[in-house]
Amino acid sequence: MSSVQGPVGILALQGDFALHAQLLSDSDVETVEVRGAEDLTGVSGLLLPGGESTTIAMGIDRENLKDPIRNLAKAGLPVFGTCAGMVLMSSAHLGLIDMEVERNAFGRQIHSFEADLKIDGLDGPPVRGLFIRAPVVTFVGDAVRVFAEIDGSTVGVKQDNCTAISFHPELVGDARLHLLALGLKQWPELPASS
């Protein structure tokens, strides 16, 4: 584990933030709910949860969180987005990762599914991904590393200290990606993008 100081902030404007908090708590990681800029003080990283990306984006704007979140990422603190969090991290929103995404790429809620994912560089069993109205990445810039794909679609990316995935490991109780993305464990060497 790294020498992380301070709790992990979890954006708590809408979505499944409580499940992320429970998963991290089960891994002995302290968390704090982030509802305003003042809640970012002293955090060691930030998690942007799944939910409804438009609603969360409106909350970010309403609470004037866009610049504080960008500044946190620019300062080198880890930022991790799942599902809607991936959409928010894209070039079209917060601009934390040089990527474009397609929302709801696998279809409506009734088309939700689970799949075992091989994560590049991650030892152990596959990560079980639960995809609910999940986005896919349609473009990545040169600095972005792809670490997870399903059926030819990109569902996991990393750029510097920012990581985003299309799926919900918190719903299946697997904290491995959380610990990596939030700087609590060392990332394996990721292959260069092609």
Protein backbone atom coordinates (compact mmCIF):
# COMPACT_ATOMS: atom_id res chain seq x y z
CA MET A 1 0.00 0.00 0.00
CA SER A 2 1.07 3.56 -0.59
CA SER A 3 1.59 6.19 2.06
CA VAL A 4 -1.73 7.88 1.30
CA GLN A 5 -2.69 10.57 3.78
CA GLY A 6 -6.29 11.59 4.36
CA PRO A 7 -9.56 9.99 3.38
CA VAL A 8 -10.68 9.20 -0.15
CA GLY A 9 -13.37 11.64 -1.26
CA ILE A 10 -16.46 10.17 -2.92
CA LEU A 11 -18.62 12.56 -4.93
CA ALA A 12 -22.02 12.24 -3.23
CA LEU A 13 -24.36 14.33 -5.35
CA GLN A 14 -26.26 11.40 -6.90
CA GLY A 15 -25.60 7.78 -7.75
CA ASP A 16 -24.22 4.75 -5.92
CA PHE A 17 -21.69 6.59 -3.74
CA ALA A 18 -22.72 4.66 -0.60
CA LEU A 19 -21.78 1.32 -2.19
CA HIS A 20 -18.30 2.64 -3.03
CA ALA A 21 -17.92 3.90 0.54
CA GLN A 22 -18.89 0.48 1.91
CA LEU A 23 -16.52 -1.36 -0.44
CA LEU A 24 -13.62 0.89 0.57
CA SER A 25 -14.54 0.66 4.25
CA ASP A 26 -14.45 -3.13 3.94
CA SER A 27 -10.87 -2.66 2.66
CA ASP A 28 -10.00 -0.47 5.69
CA VAL A 29 -9.96 2.74 3.62
CA GLU A 30 -11.38 5.89 5.21
CA THR A 31 -13.77 7.88 3.01
CA VAL A 32 -15.59 11.21 3.11
CA GLU A 33 -18.66 12.23 1.13
CA VAL A 34 -18.01 15.19 -1.16
CA ARG A 35 -21.01 17.49 -1.66
CA GLY A 36 -19.18 20.81 -1.90
CA ALA A 37 -15.68 22.17 -2.54
CA GLU A 38 -14.96 22.37 1.19
CA ASP A 39 -15.29 18.58 1.41
CA LEU A 40 -12.26 18.16 -0.88
CA THR A 41 -9.91 19.64 1.71
CA GLY A 42 -7.46 17.00 2.88
CA VAL A 43 -8.63 14.18 0.61
CA SER A 44 -6.05 11.78 -0.79
CA GLY A 45 -8.03 11.12 -3.97
CA LEU A 46 -11.51 11.35 -5.45
CA LEU A 47 -14.01 8.78 -6.70
CA LEU A 48 -16.71 9.78 -9.20
CA PRO A 49 -19.44 7.12 -8.93
CA GLY A 50 -21.95 5.71 -11.33
CA GLY A 51 -25.42 7.18 -11.49
CA GLU A 52 -26.98 9.51 -14.02
CA SER A 53 -24.20 11.53 -15.65
CA THR A 54 -26.38 14.50 -16.64
CA THR A 55 -27.75 14.83 -13.10
CA ILE A 56 -24.30 14.52 -11.55
CA ALA A 57 -22.87 17.07 -14.04
CA MET A 58 -25.63 19.53 -13.11
CA GLY A 59 -24.79 19.00 -9.44
CA ILE A 60 -21.09 19.62 -10.12
CA ASP A 61 -22.01 22.89 -11.84
CA ARG A 62 -24.53 23.88 -9.13
CA GLU A 63 -21.99 23.27 -6.35
CA ASN A 64 -19.14 24.94 -8.30
CA LEU A 65 -17.06 21.76 -8.14
CA LYS A 66 -15.71 21.68 -11.70
CA ASP A 67 -12.55 23.73 -11.06
CA PRO A 68 -11.82 22.20 -7.62
CA ILE A 69 -12.04 18.69 -9.13
CA ARG A 70 -9.80 19.69 -12.05
CA ASN A 71 -7.32 21.30 -9.65
CA LEU A 72 -7.23 18.16 -7.51
CA ALA A 73 -6.35 16.10 -10.59
CA LYS A 74 -3.77 18.67 -11.76
CA ALA A 75 -2.15 18.45 -8.32
CA GLY A 76 -1.54 14.75 -9.00
CA LEU A 77 -4.11 13.24 -6.67
CA PRO A 78 -5.78 10.10 -8.04
CA VAL A 79 -9.24 10.43 -9.56
CA PHE A 80 -11.29 7.32 -10.33
CA GLY A 81 -14.56 7.27 -12.26
CA THR A 82 -16.98 4.37 -12.69
CA CYS A 83 -19.72 4.31 -15.36
CA ALA A 84 -21.22 7.83 -15.19
CA GLY A 85 -17.95 8.89 -13.56
CA MET A 86 -16.20 7.83 -16.77
CA VAL A 87 -18.54 10.05 -18.78
CA LEU A 88 -17.80 12.97 -16.44
CA MET A 89 -14.03 12.50 -16.78
CA SER A 90 -14.18 12.65 -20.59
CA SER A 91 -13.01 15.54 -22.75
CA ALA A 92 -16.61 16.78 -23.11
CA HIS A 93 -17.09 17.32 -19.36
CA LEU A 94 -14.28 17.67 -16.81
CA GLY A 95 -11.55 16.93 -19.36
CA LEU A 96 -9.51 14.80 -16.95
CA ILE A 97 -8.82 12.09 -19.54
CA ASP A 98 -8.23 12.72 -23.24
CA MET A 99 -11.09 10.51 -24.41
CA GLU A 100 -14.50 10.59 -25.99
CA VAL A 101 -17.27 8.31 -24.76
CA GLU A 102 -20.61 7.03 -25.97
CA ARG A 103 -23.21 6.91 -23.21
CA ASN A 104 -25.47 3.86 -22.85
CA ALA A 105 -23.42 2.08 -25.52
CA PHE A 106 -24.70 -1.39 -24.64
CA GLY A 107 -28.35 -0.34 -24.61
CA ARG A 108 -31.02 0.37 -22.05
CA GLN A 109 -31.21 -0.90 -18.47
CA ILE A 110 -32.85 -4.16 -19.59
CA HIS A 111 -29.66 -4.90 -21.54
CA SER A 112 -27.51 -4.88 -18.38
CA PHE A 113 -25.04 -7.74 -18.13
CA GLU A 114 -22.08 -9.14 -16.20
CA ALA A 115 -18.78 -10.23 -17.70
CA ASP A 116 -15.38 -11.40 -16.51
CA LEU A 117 -12.71 -8.94 -17.61
CA LYS A 118 -9.01 -9.54 -18.03
CA ILE A 119 -7.35 -6.38 -16.77
CA ASP A 120 -3.94 -5.81 -18.36
CA GLY A 121 -1.23 -6.31 -15.77
CA LEU A 122 -3.56 -7.34 -12.94
CA ASP A 123 -2.78 -10.72 -11.40
CA GLY A 124 -5.40 -12.99 -9.95
CA PRO A 125 -8.84 -13.90 -11.20
CA PRO A 126 -10.63 -11.78 -13.78
CA VAL A 127 -12.51 -8.72 -12.56
CA ARG A 128 -16.27 -9.26 -12.64
CA GLY A 129 -17.79 -6.26 -14.35
CA LEU A 130 -21.45 -5.34 -14.05
CA PHE A 131 -22.49 -3.16 -16.99
CA ILE A 132 -25.63 -1.06 -16.46
CA ARG A 133 -26.38 1.45 -19.25
CA ALA A 134 -22.61 1.55 -19.53
CA PRO A 135 -20.55 3.90 -21.69
CA VAL A 136 -17.71 2.85 -23.96
CA VAL A 137 -14.68 4.86 -24.97
CA THR A 138 -14.75 5.73 -28.67
CA PHE A 139 -11.49 7.72 -28.84
CA VAL A 140 -8.35 8.01 -26.71
CA GLY A 141 -5.47 10.42 -27.03
CA ASP A 142 -1.83 9.33 -27.19
CA ALA A 143 -1.27 9.70 -23.43
CA VAL A 144 -4.17 7.39 -22.52
CA ARG A 145 -3.57 3.72 -21.75
CA VAL A 146 -6.34 1.20 -22.39
CA PHE A 147 -6.36 -1.61 -19.80
CA ALA A 148 -9.76 -3.26 -20.29
CA GLU A 149 -11.84 -4.17 -23.32
CA ILE A 150 -14.92 -6.28 -23.96
CA ASP A 151 -15.92 -7.47 -27.42
CA GLY A 152 -13.61 -4.88 -29.00
CA SER A 153 -15.01 -1.98 -26.95
CA THR A 154 -12.77 -0.01 -24.58
CA VAL A 155 -14.13 -0.10 -21.02
CA GLY A 156 -11.08 0.80 -18.89
CA VAL A 157 -8.56 3.63 -19.37
CA LYS A 158 -5.85 5.44 -17.43
CA GLN A 159 -4.09 8.74 -18.05
CA ASP A 160 -1.50 9.71 -15.47
CA ASN A 161 -3.33 9.83 -12.10
CA CYS A 162 -6.83 9.52 -13.61
CA THR A 163 -8.56 6.18 -14.18
CA ALA A 164 -12.01 5.45 -15.59
CA ILE A 165 -14.04 2.29 -16.12
CA SER A 166 -17.44 1.62 -17.72
CA PHE A 167 -18.62 -0.92 -15.19
CA HIS A 168 -19.48 -1.37 -11.51
CA PRO A 169 -17.04 -3.51 -9.46
CA GLU A 170 -18.59 -2.10 -6.28
CA LEU A 171 -21.78 -4.06 -7.04
CA VAL A 172 -19.91 -7.36 -7.02
CA GLY A 173 -17.65 -6.58 -4.05
CA ASP A 174 -14.30 -6.43 -5.89
CA ALA A 175 -12.11 -3.59 -4.60
CA ARG A 176 -8.95 -4.34 -6.62
CA LEU A 177 -9.47 -1.60 -9.22
CA HIS A 178 -10.51 0.88 -6.54
CA LEU A 179 -7.27 0.28 -4.64
CA LEU A 180 -5.17 0.64 -7.79
CA ALA A 181 -6.97 3.67 -9.20
CA LEU A 182 -7.00 5.54 -5.88
CA GLY A 183 -3.27 5.08 -5.34
CA LEU A 184 -3.64 2.58 -2.51
CA LYS A 185 -1.81 -0.15 -4.44
CA GLN A 186 0.86 0.06 -7.14
CA TRP A 187 -0.40 -0.07 -10.74
CA PRO A 188 1.30 -2.73 -12.84
CA GLU A 189 3.12 -1.55 -15.93
CA LEU A 190 0.47 -0.92 -18.57
CA PRO A 191 1.18 -1.54 -22.24
CA ALA A 192 1.49 1.46 -24.53
CA SER A 193 -1.55 2.39 -26.59
CA SER A 194 -1.42 1.27 -30.18
